[in-house]
Amino acid sequence: MRVDAAFLVPGARAALALAATLLVAGGSAHAQSLQAKTRESGCTDTPRVVEGSMYKCTTASGASAYFNVPDGTAAAPARRPGGPVVGPPAQPQATPAGFPRVDANTQKGRDEMRRKVLQDELAAEEKLLLEARAAFSNGAPPALPEEQAQPQRYADRIARLRQSVQLHERNVDALRRELGLPR
């Protein structure tokens, strides 16, 4: 039975996807190949591995279809024209024997240098944040003489100052996260 997911309410789509996953995963008495499952699910694109032996593809209606192909039963991985091989994820490769290594003291020195650079950047960014906050004056800086006759120029300057404060706040937060410091 096919149900077009476009005609379902949003909550029913998730339930339908879960039911289809459980039906396909547990309802098949015999193992099928990846290609057979792809055809059975009505996939219009090449299935992608979601996790383990679980695959995901898009159907003609635009809905996502999930299905399970038990280990060892998937045929050769499908290849999209001009695209990468789709199938189980590749196993990590061992480091080649001639690959250059860095000794612990050199790495420690590099880490210390990186930390110092990040701390210097943090100090500079905190200084810029203080200056930006002072210029912003909690959203009410005094109007400049040329802005008194043109209120839009004043509003534009306040918007730029607010953006500057937000930018420096984000930069300080990012540097603190990078250094592992509390916010």
Protein backbone atom coordinates (compact mmCIF):
# COMPACT_ATOMS: atom_id res chain seq x y z
CA MET A 1 0.00 0.00 0.00
CA ARG A 2 1.37 3.42 -0.93
CA VAL A 3 0.38 6.62 0.85
CA ASP A 4 1.43 9.96 -0.55
CA ALA A 5 3.01 11.82 2.39
CA ALA A 6 2.10 15.20 0.87
CA PHE A 7 -1.53 14.62 1.87
CA LEU A 8 -0.80 13.80 5.51
CA VAL A 9 -0.77 16.18 8.44
CA PRO A 10 2.77 16.90 9.71
CA GLY A 11 2.59 14.55 12.72
CA ALA A 12 1.28 11.72 10.58
CA ARG A 13 4.27 11.93 8.23
CA ALA A 14 6.66 11.06 11.06
CA ALA A 15 4.40 8.21 12.20
CA LEU A 16 4.15 6.91 8.63
CA ALA A 17 7.93 7.04 8.21
CA LEU A 18 8.42 5.16 11.49
CA ALA A 19 5.80 2.57 10.57
CA ALA A 20 7.36 2.08 7.14
CA THR A 21 10.79 1.67 8.72
CA LEU A 22 9.51 -0.95 11.15
CA LEU A 23 7.55 -2.75 8.44
CA VAL A 24 10.46 -2.86 6.02
CA ALA A 25 12.99 -3.69 8.73
CA GLY A 26 11.05 -6.48 10.39
CA GLY A 27 8.43 -7.58 7.89
CA SER A 28 10.67 -9.14 5.29
CA ALA A 29 11.11 -12.87 5.76
CA HIS A 30 13.97 -13.08 3.32
CA ALA A 31 16.89 -10.80 2.70
CA GLN A 32 16.70 -8.47 -0.26
CA SER A 33 19.38 -6.58 -2.07
CA LEU A 34 19.80 -2.84 -1.87
CA GLN A 35 18.54 -2.43 -5.41
CA ALA A 36 15.39 -4.42 -4.67
CA LYS A 37 14.69 -2.38 -1.55
CA THR A 38 15.30 0.82 -3.54
CA ARG A 39 12.74 -0.20 -6.16
CA GLU A 40 10.28 -1.40 -3.52
CA SER A 41 10.51 1.93 -1.65
CA GLY A 42 9.94 3.94 -4.84
CA CYS A 43 13.19 5.86 -4.54
CA THR A 44 13.91 8.51 -7.16
CA ASP A 45 17.50 9.10 -6.04
CA THR A 46 20.36 6.93 -4.83
CA PRO A 47 19.86 5.73 -1.25
CA ARG A 48 22.28 7.07 1.37
CA VAL A 49 23.45 5.22 4.47
CA VAL A 50 21.88 6.77 7.56
CA GLU A 51 23.32 4.46 10.18
CA GLY A 52 24.56 0.89 10.02
CA SER A 53 22.33 -0.90 7.53
CA MET A 54 19.61 1.80 7.52
CA TYR A 55 19.21 3.71 4.23
CA LYS A 56 17.32 6.85 3.25
CA CYS A 57 16.11 8.05 -0.15
CA THR A 58 13.59 10.47 -1.64
CA THR A 59 10.37 9.24 -3.25
CA ALA A 60 8.54 10.73 -6.25
CA SER A 61 6.28 12.73 -3.90
CA GLY A 62 9.34 14.32 -2.26
CA ALA A 63 8.93 12.42 1.00
CA SER A 64 11.85 10.59 2.61
CA ALA A 65 11.75 6.80 2.63
CA TYR A 66 13.78 4.77 5.13
CA PHE A 67 14.56 1.10 4.79
CA ASN A 68 16.86 -1.52 6.23
CA VAL A 69 19.12 -3.85 4.29
CA PRO A 70 20.56 -6.52 6.62
CA ASP A 71 24.35 -6.81 6.64
CA GLY A 72 25.84 -8.92 3.91
CA THR A 73 22.78 -8.77 1.68
CA ALA A 74 23.35 -5.43 0.02
CA ALA A 75 24.54 -5.83 -3.52
CA ALA A 76 27.52 -3.89 -4.79
CA PRO A 77 27.27 -0.23 -3.78
CA ALA A 78 25.37 1.91 -6.25
CA ARG A 79 27.23 4.61 -8.12
CA ARG A 80 25.60 7.81 -9.25
CA PRO A 81 26.79 9.01 -12.64
CA GLY A 82 29.78 11.20 -11.88
CA GLY A 83 29.19 10.81 -8.14
CA PRO A 84 30.76 8.93 -5.25
CA VAL A 85 30.11 5.31 -4.38
CA VAL A 86 27.09 5.05 -2.09
CA GLY A 87 27.14 2.26 0.43
CA PRO A 88 28.46 1.39 3.85
CA PRO A 89 30.99 3.90 5.22
CA ALA A 90 34.64 3.17 4.52
CA GLN A 91 36.84 1.89 7.31
CA PRO A 92 39.44 4.36 8.62
CA GLN A 93 42.86 3.93 7.08
CA ALA A 94 45.94 3.29 9.20
CA THR A 95 48.62 6.00 9.25
CA PRO A 96 51.29 5.26 6.63
CA ALA A 97 54.67 4.15 7.96
CA GLY A 98 56.55 7.14 6.49
CA PHE A 99 54.06 9.74 7.74
CA PRO A 100 55.87 12.53 9.64
CA ARG A 101 55.31 12.63 13.37
CA VAL A 102 55.72 15.48 15.83
CA ASP A 103 57.30 14.80 19.19
CA ALA A 104 55.40 15.68 22.36
CA ASN A 105 57.56 18.70 23.30
CA THR A 106 57.13 20.30 19.88
CA GLN A 107 53.38 19.75 20.01
CA LYS A 108 53.21 21.15 23.54
CA GLY A 109 55.06 24.27 22.37
CA ARG A 110 52.65 24.67 19.46
CA ASP A 111 49.66 24.27 21.77
CA GLU A 112 51.06 26.87 24.19
CA MET A 113 51.68 29.29 21.31
CA ARG A 114 48.14 28.76 20.01
CA ARG A 115 46.71 29.37 23.48
CA LYS A 116 48.74 32.59 23.85
CA VAL A 117 47.54 33.84 20.46
CA LEU A 118 43.92 33.07 21.41
CA GLN A 119 44.34 34.83 24.77
CA ASP A 120 45.78 37.90 23.01
CA GLU A 121 42.88 37.89 20.57
CA LEU A 122 40.43 37.56 23.47
CA ALA A 123 41.98 40.53 25.30
CA ALA A 124 41.82 42.67 22.14
CA GLU A 125 38.23 41.62 21.43
CA GLU A 126 37.14 42.37 25.02
CA LYS A 127 38.68 45.84 24.69
CA LEU A 128 36.81 46.41 21.42
CA LEU A 129 33.59 45.19 23.07
CA LEU A 130 33.97 47.71 25.91
CA GLU A 131 34.55 50.51 23.38
CA ALA A 132 31.53 49.42 21.31
CA ARG A 133 29.30 49.28 24.40
CA ALA A 134 30.46 52.74 25.46
CA ALA A 135 29.69 54.14 21.99
CA PHE A 136 26.30 52.40 21.96
CA SER A 137 25.35 53.82 25.40
CA ASN A 138 22.55 51.27 25.92
CA GLY A 139 20.88 52.29 22.67
CA ALA A 140 20.72 55.99 23.43
CA PRO A 141 23.94 57.70 22.33
CA PRO A 142 23.73 61.46 21.96
CA ALA A 143 22.79 62.58 18.47
CA LEU A 144 25.53 64.17 16.40
CA PRO A 145 24.85 67.67 15.02
CA GLU A 146 24.30 66.37 11.47
CA GLU A 147 21.89 63.72 12.79
CA GLN A 148 19.59 66.16 14.61
CA ALA A 149 18.03 67.32 11.34
CA GLN A 150 17.91 63.77 9.89
CA PRO A 151 16.48 61.22 12.33
CA GLN A 152 17.06 58.34 9.86
CA ARG A 153 20.83 58.91 9.99
CA TYR A 154 20.66 58.68 13.79
CA ALA A 155 18.67 55.41 13.58
CA ASP A 156 21.17 54.01 11.06
CA ARG A 157 24.09 54.85 13.36
CA ILE A 158 22.36 53.18 16.33
CA ALA A 159 21.78 50.06 14.20
CA ARG A 160 25.47 49.98 13.20
CA LEU A 161 26.54 50.42 16.84
CA ARG A 162 24.18 47.62 17.95
CA GLN A 163 25.60 45.31 15.26
CA SER A 164 29.12 46.16 16.37
CA VAL A 165 28.33 45.28 19.98
CA GLN A 166 26.70 41.99 18.92
CA LEU A 167 29.66 41.11 16.68
CA HIS A 168 32.18 41.67 19.47
CA GLU A 169 30.03 39.72 21.95
CA ARG A 170 29.91 36.75 19.55
CA ASN A 171 33.66 36.95 19.00
CA VAL A 172 34.35 37.02 22.75
CA ASP A 173 32.04 34.02 23.28
CA ALA A 174 33.71 32.08 20.46
CA LEU A 175 37.21 32.78 21.79
CA ARG A 176 36.17 31.79 25.31
CA ARG A 177 34.72 28.52 23.98
CA GLU A 178 37.91 27.89 22.04
CA LEU A 179 39.99 28.45 25.16
CA GLY A 180 37.61 26.40 27.33
CA LEU A 181 36.83 29.36 29.61
CA PRO A 182 33.47 30.00 31.26
CA ARG A 183 31.33 32.65 29.58
